Amino acid sequence: MDYSAISHDPEHPVEASPWGSPRADRTTFSATNSDIPSSPLPGHDRAAEDEGRGEVAPQSPDLSAQLQSAQLGDPDYTEGQPSIAAQSPSADHQRSQLPARYQTSMRQPSRPAAPAYKIQAKITGLERTGKKDPILRFDVHTNIPKFRTTQYRDVRRTHAEFTKLADHLLSANPEALVPAVPPPVTPAGAGTDEDEARVKASMQRWMNAVLSNEILIQDEEMVLFVESDFGYSPVVRMKQPATGVRRKMLKQFAPPPDDTPELQSARPTVKMFYLGSMDTSHKVDRVVKGRRGLGLAEGDFGVKLGQMSVQETHPGLATAYRKLGKVIQTVGDYHAVQATAEATTLGEPLSYHSGDAFIVKETLTNRHILLRDLLQAQQSTRSKRAAADRLKVSSSVRSDKVDEAINALQDAENHEEYLTKRTQRVTANLLQEKRRWFDRTTNDLIFSLREYTLRQIDAERRTLATLESVRPDIRAIDASGGLSRLGRESHPAQRRPNITSSQGPKGDSWSGVPRRTDSMGRSMSGSFAAPLLNVEEGEESGKGRVRSTSKVDSIVEDDDDRLDARNAASRLATSTF
């Protein structure tokens, strides 16, 4: 029974199913021709319907002309025509006179664009058990044919397995820059919410960088890393092109001639960044260590200062000792927190980018080693060709020597051709990788510096607000203002009863107390230059300083408006708290 008529029933139209059985007119699945379109030929379905109803369609006298017209998409050809023989023979003659290359291009259908293979992963969880290696859980979605399925849920891999994958990718793909794996723990402290969030975010960025690389996703180990049921370990273990003493020896020589200036200048830049970021991270670690020591010392000092209130007979001074001691202890705790924030937001990113830059530097060094191998192969080819030329002009030539020279020359040429193609591929890919790495590193460092600056501002504001909270108790020691006027020559005629904090919900107010009249003109400082004042008018009026009407000539930096250590000290000494 023929089911082709049912599938093409005009009363019950259905779409072609990818799981349907092959039609009777198809001979085999493998015998496909790019010149014949995948859809049935015009008029083919009608013939099948007529055959199913017992009607026989009239045979066409020229079947080749019918097929050619159907493939060329002749606008005069329609399904309603019973035969192509009615067409004018002059049109067939003109079409047959076309060159073969034009007929091929016209018959060739438009091929669909190749699918963009991609793989995406999303970190969903982080599991820690004591001091063991943390386990990362993630989901994977891909359309690469190498994988068994398109989605993988709750894949579990330890941090050490991520490190193994990165080491393999680094050794097996010299034309790619594999980012360094982030550390499994941050200075925020293992087990804290901030540590978990930072580890998950850093590992997500690492996976995005690796899986967005078209070279790395083609590695066979990526399939094993995702699909392994019981852990992961690289099947193919590859090594660097040169290790140990030989690598150190090769680094002592001058770099080989390079025809790519961008990559030639990239390695010294990356090396400077590697050394500079490593040195800066060490200095930040020392600052963090010193700030933590400061916090401990402030806490101890606050405890001892609070104990002095017990032996103090003056009630105002005893209260000031007690409250000042608590404030100093709180400030010490804030400094300890600030040290942790510095290590988390600045120290760790610098250390990570230092390791990442080291990997980039070594990858560029591997390219230099490849260039040296290519130069040696070219020199070997020249020597083998010279030996073959000497055999040509030799008077007595032995056949075994000739065969040996020819085989050696062919091997040398093949090796040189292989190294040439590999060098070109590595150079072309590293150019793109280098630009992406520069952009990615720049964005990460800018984000880290921004976060560090915000955390520092927040810590300093909190410390300042805490120190300002003890000012009323210091001034309430006695009627003259207590220790707030210590070392001051002039005493205010009237004390301010209330002092507002400079740290409000909207940020730094710096306007808790009204400013003095003589300091109203000191609004410009730092890099901004205050305009020159008209001294004569200022002396005559006596009501303030008047700006000069001139533009360029009057923009001169005034000594009173310049912000330096002397002016800052004088302003602090003459201001009234």
Protein backbone atom coordinates (compact mmCIF):
# COMPACT_ATOMS: atom_id res chain seq x y z
CA MET A 1 0.00 0.00 0.00
CA ASP A 2 1.31 3.40 -0.94
CA TYR A 3 1.14 5.99 1.90
CA SER A 4 2.50 8.82 -0.15
CA ALA A 5 -0.99 9.84 -1.26
CA ILE A 6 -2.14 10.05 2.37
CA SER A 7 0.76 12.30 3.37
CA HIS A 8 -0.03 14.65 0.49
CA ASP A 9 -3.82 14.63 0.86
CA PRO A 10 -5.04 18.17 0.07
CA GLU A 11 -7.95 17.79 2.51
CA HIS A 12 -5.66 16.91 5.45
CA PRO A 13 -2.37 18.74 4.98
CA VAL A 14 0.40 17.74 7.37
CA GLU A 15 4.00 18.89 7.81
CA ALA A 16 6.94 16.69 6.99
CA SER A 17 7.98 14.78 10.09
CA PRO A 18 11.68 14.24 10.73
CA TRP A 19 10.81 10.85 12.22
CA GLY A 20 8.67 9.67 9.22
CA SER A 21 9.56 6.69 7.05
CA PRO A 22 11.31 7.31 3.71
CA ARG A 23 9.21 7.70 0.61
CA ALA A 24 9.19 5.14 -2.15
CA ASP A 25 10.82 7.50 -4.63
CA ARG A 26 13.94 7.86 -2.40
CA THR A 27 16.51 5.23 -3.17
CA THR A 28 18.87 5.64 -0.23
CA PHE A 29 19.66 8.13 2.54
CA SER A 30 23.35 8.47 1.77
CA ALA A 31 23.03 9.09 -1.96
CA THR A 32 22.37 12.81 -1.83
CA ASN A 33 23.31 15.36 -4.41
CA SER A 34 23.89 19.00 -3.59
CA ASP A 35 22.51 19.99 -6.98
CA ILE A 36 19.06 18.50 -6.34
CA PRO A 37 16.94 20.43 -3.82
CA SER A 38 15.75 18.66 -0.69
CA SER A 39 12.04 19.25 -1.48
CA PRO A 40 10.27 17.04 -4.07
CA LEU A 41 10.41 18.20 -7.65
CA PRO A 42 7.43 20.20 -8.96
CA GLY A 43 4.87 17.88 -10.41
CA HIS A 44 6.20 14.85 -8.52
CA ASP A 45 3.44 14.85 -5.93
CA ARG A 46 0.76 15.09 -8.60
CA ALA A 47 2.18 12.07 -10.42
CA ALA A 48 2.18 10.10 -7.18
CA GLU A 49 -1.48 10.99 -6.53
CA ASP A 50 -2.48 9.97 -10.06
CA GLU A 51 -0.64 6.70 -9.65
CA GLY A 52 -2.41 6.04 -6.37
CA ARG A 53 -5.80 6.62 -8.00
CA GLY A 54 -4.97 4.24 -10.83
CA GLU A 55 -4.37 6.95 -13.38
CA VAL A 56 -1.20 6.99 -15.40
CA ALA A 57 0.25 10.36 -16.27
CA PRO A 58 1.47 10.84 -19.81
CA GLN A 59 5.14 10.24 -20.12
CA SER A 60 7.27 13.24 -20.96
CA PRO A 61 9.28 12.82 -24.16
CA ASP A 62 12.17 14.83 -22.67
CA LEU A 63 12.74 13.92 -19.01
CA SER A 64 16.16 15.63 -18.80
CA ALA A 65 14.64 18.92 -19.94
CA GLN A 66 11.90 18.57 -17.31
CA LEU A 67 14.41 17.99 -14.51
CA GLN A 68 16.63 20.82 -15.71
CA SER A 69 13.74 23.27 -15.83
CA ALA A 70 12.56 22.24 -12.38
CA GLN A 71 16.05 22.65 -10.89
CA LEU A 72 16.72 25.96 -12.57
CA GLY A 73 13.48 27.40 -11.23
CA ASP A 74 12.07 28.34 -14.65
CA PRO A 75 9.24 30.88 -14.08
CA ASP A 76 7.37 29.48 -17.10
CA TYR A 77 7.29 26.05 -15.52
CA THR A 78 4.23 25.33 -13.31
CA GLU A 79 2.82 22.22 -11.73
CA GLY A 80 -0.32 22.45 -13.80
CA GLN A 81 1.56 21.80 -17.07
CA PRO A 82 1.40 18.13 -18.07
CA SER A 83 4.68 18.17 -19.96
CA ILE A 84 7.69 20.31 -20.66
CA ALA A 85 7.85 19.30 -24.31
CA ALA A 86 5.55 22.21 -25.17
CA GLN A 87 8.32 24.69 -24.38
CA SER A 88 10.10 26.27 -27.29
CA PRO A 89 13.22 24.32 -28.33
CA SER A 90 15.13 27.59 -28.72
CA ALA A 91 15.03 28.15 -24.94
CA ASP A 92 16.48 24.66 -24.34
CA HIS A 93 19.14 25.30 -26.93
CA GLN A 94 20.13 28.63 -25.33
CA ARG A 95 20.29 27.05 -21.88
CA SER A 96 22.39 24.17 -23.14
CA GLN A 97 24.82 26.66 -24.67
CA LEU A 98 25.62 28.17 -21.24
CA PRO A 99 28.99 27.28 -19.77
CA ALA A 100 29.02 24.45 -17.24
CA ARG A 101 30.22 26.67 -14.38
CA TYR A 102 27.19 28.96 -14.77
CA GLN A 103 24.81 26.02 -14.87
CA THR A 104 26.36 24.62 -11.66
CA SER A 105 26.06 27.91 -9.82
CA MET A 106 22.46 28.28 -10.93
CA ARG A 107 21.52 24.74 -9.95
CA GLN A 108 23.21 24.94 -6.55
CA PRO A 109 20.61 25.78 -3.87
CA SER A 110 21.22 28.25 -1.07
CA ARG A 111 22.76 26.30 1.79
CA PRO A 112 21.65 27.15 5.32
CA ALA A 113 24.17 28.88 7.54
CA ALA A 114 26.24 26.60 9.74
CA PRO A 115 24.92 26.48 13.32
CA ALA A 116 26.86 28.48 15.89
CA TYR A 117 28.07 25.89 18.36
CA LYS A 118 28.09 27.11 21.93
CA ILE A 119 28.09 25.82 25.46
CA GLN A 120 26.81 27.68 28.51
CA ALA A 121 27.18 26.90 32.19
CA LYS A 122 25.67 28.46 35.29
CA ILE A 123 26.99 28.00 38.83
CA THR A 124 24.05 27.03 41.05
CA GLY A 125 25.67 26.20 44.38
CA LEU A 126 28.79 25.85 46.49
CA GLU A 127 29.28 23.14 49.11
CA ARG A 128 31.94 23.23 51.83
CA THR A 129 32.70 20.49 54.30
CA GLY A 130 35.23 21.64 56.84
CA LYS A 131 38.59 22.35 55.27
CA LYS A 132 38.05 20.00 52.32
CA ASP A 133 38.07 21.11 48.73
CA PRO A 134 34.77 22.89 47.95
CA ILE A 135 32.32 21.32 45.51
CA LEU A 136 30.75 23.49 42.82
CA ARG A 137 27.38 22.60 41.32
CA PHE A 138 26.42 23.92 37.90
CA ASP A 139 24.06 23.36 34.96
CA VAL A 140 25.21 23.04 31.34
CA HIS A 141 23.37 23.73 28.09
CA THR A 142 25.01 23.07 24.71
CA ASN A 143 24.27 22.31 21.07
CA ILE A 144 27.66 20.74 20.25
CA PRO A 145 27.16 17.32 18.59
CA LYS A 146 29.97 15.71 20.63
CA PHE A 147 27.83 15.77 23.77
CA ARG A 148 25.30 13.04 24.46
CA THR A 149 22.49 15.47 25.24
CA THR A 150 21.83 19.20 25.21
CA GLN A 151 21.25 19.79 28.94
CA TYR A 152 23.02 18.58 32.05
CA ARG A 153 21.56 19.32 35.45
CA ASP A 154 23.40 19.53 38.77
CA VAL A 155 26.91 18.65 37.57
CA ARG A 156 29.22 18.42 40.59
CA ARG A 157 32.95 19.12 40.35
CA THR A 158 35.53 19.96 42.97
CA HIS A 159 37.81 22.95 42.72
CA ALA A 160 40.80 20.64 42.16
CA GLU A 161 39.07 19.18 39.08
CA PHE A 162 38.64 22.66 37.65
CA THR A 163 42.37 23.17 38.16
CA LYS A 164 43.12 19.89 36.31
CA LEU A 165 40.96 20.97 33.40
CA ALA A 166 42.69 24.35 33.22
CA ASP A 167 46.14 22.72 33.25
CA HIS A 168 45.16 20.41 30.40
CA LEU A 169 43.65 23.20 28.32
CA LEU A 170 46.76 25.28 28.86
CA SER A 171 49.07 22.53 27.63
CA ALA A 172 46.90 21.24 24.79
CA ASN A 173 45.96 24.62 23.28
CA PRO A 174 49.02 26.82 22.77
CA GLU A 175 46.98 29.19 20.59
CA ALA A 176 44.55 30.10 23.41
CA LEU A 177 44.94 32.11 26.61
CA VAL A 178 43.38 30.04 29.38
CA PRO A 179 42.47 32.22 32.39
CA ALA A 180 43.76 31.27 35.80
CA VAL A 181 41.38 29.41 38.09
CA PRO A 182 40.21 31.65 40.99
CA PRO A 183 41.18 30.53 44.51
CA PRO A 184 38.70 28.34 46.44
CA VAL A 185 38.58 30.69 49.42
CA THR A 186 38.70 34.47 49.81
CA PRO A 187 40.09 36.66 52.63
CA ALA A 188 36.47 37.27 53.70
CA GLY A 189 36.62 33.94 55.52
CA ALA A 190 35.45 30.47 54.55
CA GLY A 191 31.82 29.87 55.38
CA THR A 192 30.70 33.51 55.25
CA ASP A 193 28.05 34.73 52.84
CA GLU A 194 30.44 37.16 51.21
CA ASP A 195 33.01 34.41 50.64
CA GLU A 196 30.43 32.13 49.03
CA ALA A 197 29.11 34.91 46.80
CA ARG A 198 32.60 35.93 45.71
CA VAL A 199 33.75 32.37 44.97
CA LYS A 200 30.63 31.64 42.93
CA ALA A 201 30.93 34.92 41.00
CA SER A 202 34.62 34.40 40.24
CA MET A 203 34.09 30.81 39.09
CA GLN A 204 31.17 31.94 36.93
CA ARG A 205 33.38 34.52 35.25
CA TRP A 206 36.04 31.86 34.69
CA MET A 207 33.58 29.46 33.09
CA ASN A 208 32.15 32.22 30.90
CA ALA A 209 35.64 33.11 29.67
CA VAL A 210 36.54 29.47 28.93
CA LEU A 211 33.24 28.42 27.36
CA SER A 212 33.07 31.51 25.15
CA ASN A 213 36.39 30.54 23.54
CA GLU A 214 35.77 28.76 20.23
CA ILE A 215 39.08 26.90 20.49
CA LEU A 216 38.69 25.57 24.01
CA ILE A 217 35.15 24.23 23.56
CA GLN A 218 36.40 21.95 20.76
CA ASP A 219 38.71 20.10 23.15
CA GLU A 220 37.68 16.53 23.88
CA GLU A 221 38.31 16.99 27.58
CA MET A 222 35.40 19.43 27.80
CA VAL A 223 33.03 16.58 27.00
CA LEU A 224 34.63 14.33 29.62
CA PHE A 225 34.60 17.13 32.20
CA VAL A 226 30.84 17.61 31.84
CA GLU A 227 29.74 13.99 31.27
CA SER A 228 31.94 12.13 33.77
CA ASP A 229 29.80 10.52 36.44
CA PHE A 230 32.43 9.87 39.11
CA GLY A 231 34.89 12.76 39.19
CA TYR A 232 37.14 13.99 36.43
CA SER A 233 40.75 13.38 35.54
CA PRO A 234 42.37 14.26 32.19
CA VAL A 235 42.70 11.26 29.89
CA VAL A 236 45.39 12.84 27.71
CA ARG A 237 48.18 14.41 29.74
CA MET A 238 50.18 16.89 27.73
CA LYS A 239 53.24 18.88 28.77
CA GLN A 240 54.63 22.26 27.92
CA PRO A 241 56.94 22.46 24.86
CA ALA A 242 59.90 23.14 27.15
CA THR A 243 60.15 22.70 30.90
CA GLY A 244 62.72 22.84 33.64
CA VAL A 245 66.27 23.85 32.88
CA ARG A 246 65.75 24.00 29.11
CA ARG A 247 62.95 26.52 29.50
CA LYS A 248 65.07 28.68 31.78
CA MET A 249 67.94 28.46 29.34
CA LEU A 250 65.76 29.52 26.40
CA LYS A 251 64.50 32.52 28.33
CA GLN A 252 68.06 33.79 28.70
CA PHE A 253 68.42 34.27 24.94
CA ALA A 254 67.03 37.18 23.01
CA PRO A 255 63.55 36.59 21.57
CA PRO A 256 63.50 35.30 17.98
CA PRO A 257 62.62 37.61 15.06
CA ASP A 258 58.90 38.30 15.13
CA ASP A 259 56.87 39.63 12.21
CA THR A 260 53.91 40.53 14.49
CA PRO A 261 54.72 43.77 16.35
CA GLU A 262 51.57 43.57 18.49
CA LEU A 263 52.55 40.24 20.01
CA GLN A 264 56.20 41.22 20.13
CA SER A 265 55.42 44.18 22.40
CA ALA A 266 52.74 42.32 24.35
CA ARG A 267 55.07 40.00 26.29
CA PRO A 268 57.17 42.78 27.92
CA THR A 269 53.98 44.62 28.83
CA VAL A 270 52.43 41.53 30.34
CA LYS A 271 55.62 40.78 32.26
CA MET A 272 55.68 44.30 33.72
CA PHE A 273 52.03 43.97 34.71
CA TYR A 274 52.73 40.57 36.27
CA LEU A 275 55.61 41.86 38.37
CA GLY A 276 53.86 45.12 39.26
CA SER A 277 50.60 43.48 40.34
CA MET A 278 52.49 40.88 42.37
CA ASP A 279 54.54 43.56 44.14
CA THR A 280 51.43 45.67 44.77
CA SER A 281 49.55 42.71 46.21
CA HIS A 282 52.44 42.06 48.61
CA LYS A 283 52.38 45.69 49.72
CA VAL A 284 48.62 45.57 50.19
CA ASP A 285 49.10 42.47 52.35
CA ARG A 286 51.54 44.39 54.52
CA VAL A 287 49.07 47.27 54.82
CA VAL A 288 46.34 44.83 55.80
CA LYS A 289 48.60 43.25 58.39
CA GLY A 290 49.48 46.67 59.82
CA ARG A 291 45.83 47.77 59.93
CA ARG A 292 44.84 44.62 61.78
CA GLY A 293 47.61 45.29 64.27
CA LEU A 294 46.31 48.83 64.63
CA GLY A 295 42.84 47.51 65.38
CA LEU A 296 44.17 45.21 68.09
CA ALA A 297 46.22 48.02 69.63
CA GLU A 298 43.23 50.36 69.59
CA GLY A 299 41.07 47.76 71.27
CA ASP A 300 43.65 47.25 74.02
CA PHE A 301 44.05 51.00 74.43
CA GLY A 302 40.30 51.47 74.69
CA VAL A 303 40.07 48.87 77.45
CA LYS A 304 42.84 50.53 79.46
CA LEU A 305 41.33 53.98 78.94
CA GLY A 306 37.99 52.76 80.21
CA GLN A 307 39.63 51.36 83.33
CA MET A 308 40.96 54.84 84.18
CA SER A 309 37.41 56.05 84.77
CA VAL A 310 37.24 53.96 87.97
CA GLN A 311 40.09 55.82 89.64
CA GLU A 312 39.13 59.29 88.35
CA THR A 313 37.51 61.54 90.96
CA HIS A 314 36.31 64.21 88.55
CA PRO A 315 32.83 63.14 87.36
CA GLY A 316 33.04 64.78 83.94
CA LEU A 317 36.48 63.38 83.21
CA ALA A 318 35.48 59.91 84.45
CA THR A 319 32.50 59.89 82.07
CA ALA A 320 34.73 61.08 79.24
CA TYR A 321 37.26 58.30 79.95
CA ARG A 322 34.59 55.61 79.99
CA LYS A 323 32.84 56.70 76.78
CA LEU A 324 36.07 57.51 74.95
CA GLY A 325 37.39 54.03 75.77
CA LYS A 326 34.31 52.40 74.27
CA VAL A 327 34.56 54.56 71.16
CA ILE A 328 38.23 53.67 70.67
CA GLN A 329 37.41 49.96 71.02
CA THR A 330 34.71 50.36 68.38
CA VAL A 331 37.12 52.16 66.08
CA GLY A 332 39.59 49.30 66.52
CA ASP A 333 36.91 46.83 65.44
CA TYR A 334 36.14 49.00 62.42
CA HIS A 335 39.80 49.00 61.45
CA ALA A 336 39.91 45.20 61.62
CA VAL A 337 36.88 45.04 59.33
CA GLN A 338 38.47 47.60 57.03
CA ALA A 339 41.61 45.48 56.80
CA THR A 340 39.55 42.46 55.76
CA ALA A 341 37.76 44.56 53.15
CA GLU A 342 41.08 45.78 51.75
CA ALA A 343 42.39 42.24 51.43
CA THR A 344 39.14 41.09 49.80
CA THR A 345 38.53 43.91 47.35
CA LEU A 346 42.09 44.85 46.38
CA GLY A 347 44.65 42.33 47.62
CA GLU A 348 43.00 39.21 46.25
CA PRO A 349 42.19 40.65 42.76
CA LEU A 350 45.77 41.85 42.38
CA SER A 351 47.11 38.44 43.39
CA TYR A 352 44.75 36.68 40.97
CA HIS A 353 45.60 38.96 38.03
CA SER A 354 49.28 38.48 38.79
CA GLY A 355 48.86 34.72 38.36
CA ASP A 356 46.72 35.23 35.28
CA ALA A 357 49.35 37.50 33.72
CA PHE A 358 52.00 34.87 34.45
CA ILE A 359 49.99 32.33 32.41
CA VAL A 360 49.69 34.80 29.53
CA LYS A 361 53.42 35.49 29.69
CA GLU A 362 54.25 31.78 29.57
CA THR A 363 51.85 31.27 26.65
CA LEU A 364 53.64 33.99 24.71
CA THR A 365 56.93 32.35 25.69
CA ASN A 366 55.67 29.09 24.16
CA ARG A 367 55.08 30.98 20.94
CA HIS A 368 58.70 32.17 21.02
CA ILE A 369 59.81 28.56 21.45
CA LEU A 370 57.66 27.62 18.47
CA LEU A 371 59.28 30.37 16.42
CA ARG A 372 62.72 29.05 17.36
CA ASP A 373 61.71 25.55 16.28
CA LEU A 374 60.52 26.98 12.97
CA LEU A 375 63.85 28.74 12.42
CA GLN A 376 65.71 25.52 13.17
CA ALA A 377 63.45 23.60 10.77
CA GLN A 378 64.10 26.15 8.02
CA GLN A 379 67.83 25.90 8.61
CA SER A 380 67.64 22.10 8.53
CA THR A 381 65.71 22.21 5.25
CA ARG A 382 68.32 24.47 3.70
CA SER A 383 71.13 22.16 4.79
CA LYS A 384 69.32 19.08 3.42
CA ARG A 385 68.66 20.85 0.12
CA ALA A 386 72.32 21.85 -0.12
CA ALA A 387 73.35 18.24 0.47
CA ALA A 388 71.01 17.12 -2.30
CA ASP A 389 72.46 19.73 -4.64
CA ARG A 390 75.95 18.49 -3.91
CA LEU A 391 74.90 14.98 -4.86
CA LYS A 392 73.62 16.26 -8.19
CA VAL A 393 76.98 17.61 -9.22
CA SER A 394 78.92 14.71 -7.78
CA SER A 395 80.78 12.49 -10.23
CA SER A 396 80.13 9.21 -8.42
CA VAL A 397 76.60 8.96 -7.07
CA ARG A 398 75.37 5.97 -5.09
CA SER A 399 71.67 5.11 -5.24
CA ASP A 400 71.31 4.54 -1.50
CA LYS A 401 72.85 7.97 -0.78
CA VAL A 402 70.46 9.60 -3.24
CA ASP A 403 67.41 7.92 -1.68
CA GLU A 404 68.57 8.86 1.77
CA ALA A 405 69.11 12.50 0.79
CA ILE A 406 65.72 12.71 -0.94
CA ASN A 407 63.91 11.19 2.04
CA ALA A 408 65.71 13.51 4.47
CA LEU A 409 64.83 16.54 2.35
CA GLN A 410 61.17 15.52 2.13
CA ASP A 411 60.96 14.97 5.88
CA ALA A 412 62.57 18.34 6.55
CA GLU A 413 60.19 20.10 4.14
CA ASN A 414 57.15 18.39 5.66
CA HIS A 415 58.28 19.32 9.16
CA GLU A 416 58.90 22.92 8.12
CA GLU A 417 55.49 23.13 6.45
CA TYR A 418 53.81 21.76 9.58
CA LEU A 419 55.58 24.24 11.85
CA THR A 420 54.83 27.11 9.46
CA LYS A 421 51.09 26.38 9.46
CA ARG A 422 51.07 25.87 13.20
CA THR A 423 52.92 29.14 13.79
CA GLN A 424 50.51 31.02 11.56
CA ARG A 425 47.52 29.52 13.38
CA VAL A 426 48.95 30.27 16.82
CA THR A 427 49.84 33.83 15.85
CA ALA A 428 46.44 34.60 14.35
CA ASN A 429 44.57 33.21 17.35
CA LEU A 430 46.82 34.81 19.95
CA LEU A 431 46.23 38.21 18.38
CA GLN A 432 42.50 37.91 19.09
CA GLU A 433 43.10 36.32 22.49
CA LYS A 434 45.49 39.08 23.53
CA ARG A 435 42.96 41.82 22.76
CA ARG A 436 40.21 40.02 24.63
CA TRP A 437 42.52 39.44 27.61
CA PHE A 438 43.49 43.12 27.77
CA ASP A 439 39.83 44.18 27.73
CA ARG A 440 38.79 41.58 30.30
CA THR A 441 41.64 42.41 32.68
CA THR A 442 40.99 46.15 32.37
CA ASN A 443 37.31 45.75 33.18
CA ASP A 444 38.02 43.47 36.15
CA LEU A 445 40.60 45.83 37.63
CA ILE A 446 38.35 48.86 37.20
CA PHE A 447 35.53 47.00 38.94
CA SER A 448 37.87 45.95 41.78
CA LEU A 449 39.21 49.49 42.25
CA ARG A 450 35.70 50.89 42.28
CA GLU A 451 34.57 48.39 44.90
CA TYR A 452 37.69 49.04 46.99
CA THR A 453 37.10 52.79 46.87
CA LEU A 454 33.48 52.47 47.95
CA ARG A 455 34.38 50.16 50.81
CA GLN A 456 37.12 52.52 51.98
CA ILE A 457 34.79 55.51 51.88
CA ASP A 458 32.17 53.60 53.81
CA ALA A 459 34.71 52.52 56.44
CA GLU A 460 36.11 56.03 56.88
CA ARG A 461 32.63 57.53 57.15
CA ARG A 462 31.67 55.00 59.79
CA THR A 463 34.85 55.70 61.75
CA LEU A 464 34.32 59.45 61.52
CA ALA A 465 30.72 59.20 62.70
CA THR A 466 31.83 57.06 65.66
CA LEU A 467 34.51 59.54 66.66
CA GLU A 468 32.08 62.45 66.36
CA SER A 469 29.66 60.76 68.72
CA VAL A 470 32.01 61.32 71.68
CA ARG A 471 32.44 65.08 71.16
CA PRO A 472 29.63 66.17 73.54
CA ASP A 473 31.11 64.09 76.38
CA ILE A 474 34.55 65.60 75.83
CA ARG A 475 33.13 69.13 75.95
CA ALA A 476 31.01 68.39 78.97
CA ILE A 477 34.03 67.79 81.19
CA ASP A 478 33.94 71.37 82.51
CA ALA A 479 32.38 74.72 81.74
CA SER A 480 35.26 75.93 79.55
CA GLY A 481 34.76 73.21 76.96
CA GLY A 482 36.98 70.48 78.35
CA LEU A 483 39.71 69.08 76.17
CA SER A 484 38.24 70.55 72.99
CA ARG A 485 40.05 73.83 73.58
CA LEU A 486 43.36 72.25 74.54
CA GLY A 487 46.22 74.26 73.02
CA ARG A 488 43.93 76.93 71.60
CA GLU A 489 44.63 80.60 72.29
CA SER A 490 41.17 82.06 71.71
CA HIS A 491 38.14 80.78 73.61
CA PRO A 492 34.68 81.18 72.15
CA ALA A 493 32.41 83.64 73.90
CA GLN A 494 29.50 81.25 73.74
CA ARG A 495 29.53 77.47 73.41
CA ARG A 496 27.27 75.69 70.99
CA PRO A 497 24.80 73.56 72.86
CA ASN A 498 24.18 71.05 70.05
CA ILE A 499 26.63 69.65 67.53
CA THR A 500 25.26 67.72 64.57
CA SER A 501 27.15 64.83 62.98
CA SER A 502 28.77 65.34 59.60
CA GLN A 503 27.68 61.87 58.48
CA GLY A 504 24.03 61.78 57.51
CA PRO A 505 21.87 59.44 55.45
CA LYS A 506 22.61 61.49 52.32
CA GLY A 507 26.38 61.30 52.70
CA ASP A 508 28.95 63.77 53.97
CA SER A 509 27.22 66.96 54.94
CA TRP A 510 30.26 68.90 56.17
CA SER A 511 27.82 71.60 57.21
CA GLY A 512 26.97 70.60 60.74
CA VAL A 513 28.06 74.02 62.02
CA PRO A 514 27.92 77.35 60.19
CA ARG A 515 31.20 78.33 58.60
CA ARG A 516 32.99 81.49 59.57
CA THR A 517 32.70 84.59 57.44
CA ASP A 518 36.39 84.83 56.67
CA SER A 519 36.42 81.32 55.24
CA MET A 520 33.49 81.79 52.87
CA GLY A 521 35.78 82.65 49.98
CA ARG A 522 37.87 79.51 50.44
CA SER A 523 35.67 77.30 48.36
CA MET A 524 38.17 76.38 45.67
CA SER A 525 41.08 74.16 46.48
CA GLY A 526 43.15 71.34 45.11
CA SER A 527 43.66 71.48 41.37
CA PHE A 528 41.19 74.33 40.92
CA ALA A 529 42.82 77.75 40.86
CA ALA A 530 41.02 80.62 42.52
CA PRO A 531 40.79 83.83 40.48
CA LEU A 532 42.87 86.79 41.55
CA LEU A 533 41.01 89.15 43.81
CA ASN A 534 40.87 92.89 43.37
CA VAL A 535 42.83 93.95 46.42
CA GLU A 536 42.03 97.63 46.15
CA GLU A 537 38.32 97.12 46.00
CA GLY A 538 38.51 94.57 48.80
CA GLU A 539 40.35 97.01 51.07
CA GLU A 540 37.99 99.87 50.27
CA SER A 541 34.78 97.94 50.79
CA GLY A 542 35.88 95.87 53.77
CA LYS A 543 32.87 93.59 53.29
CA GLY A 544 34.57 90.72 51.57
CA ARG A 545 36.67 89.85 48.60
CA VAL A 546 35.52 90.78 45.12
CA ARG A 547 36.52 88.76 42.05
CA SER A 548 38.43 90.48 39.30
CA THR A 549 36.74 91.13 35.99
CA SER A 550 39.68 89.87 33.94
CA LYS A 551 39.64 86.27 32.67
CA VAL A 552 42.96 84.75 31.71
CA ASP A 553 45.35 87.05 33.47
CA SER A 554 43.47 86.83 36.76
CA ILE A 555 43.52 83.02 37.06
CA VAL A 556 46.43 82.77 39.46
CA GLU A 557 46.56 80.36 42.36
CA ASP A 558 46.27 82.15 45.71
CA ASP A 559 48.35 81.01 48.64
CA ASP A 560 45.33 81.04 50.95
CA ASP A 561 43.26 78.87 48.61
CA ARG A 562 45.92 76.30 47.88
CA LEU A 563 45.31 73.02 49.70
CA ASP A 564 48.54 71.79 51.24
CA ALA A 565 49.73 70.63 54.64
CA ARG A 566 50.32 74.15 56.02
CA ASN A 567 46.93 75.54 55.01
CA ALA A 568 45.15 72.40 56.18
CA ALA A 569 46.84 72.65 59.57
CA SER A 570 46.00 76.34 59.88
CA ARG A 571 42.37 75.73 59.01
CA LEU A 572 42.07 72.93 61.54
CA ALA A 573 43.77 75.03 64.21
CA THR A 574 41.54 78.09 63.71
CA SER A 575 38.24 76.29 63.24
CA THR A 576 35.77 76.01 66.09
CA PHE A 577 34.40 72.54 66.76
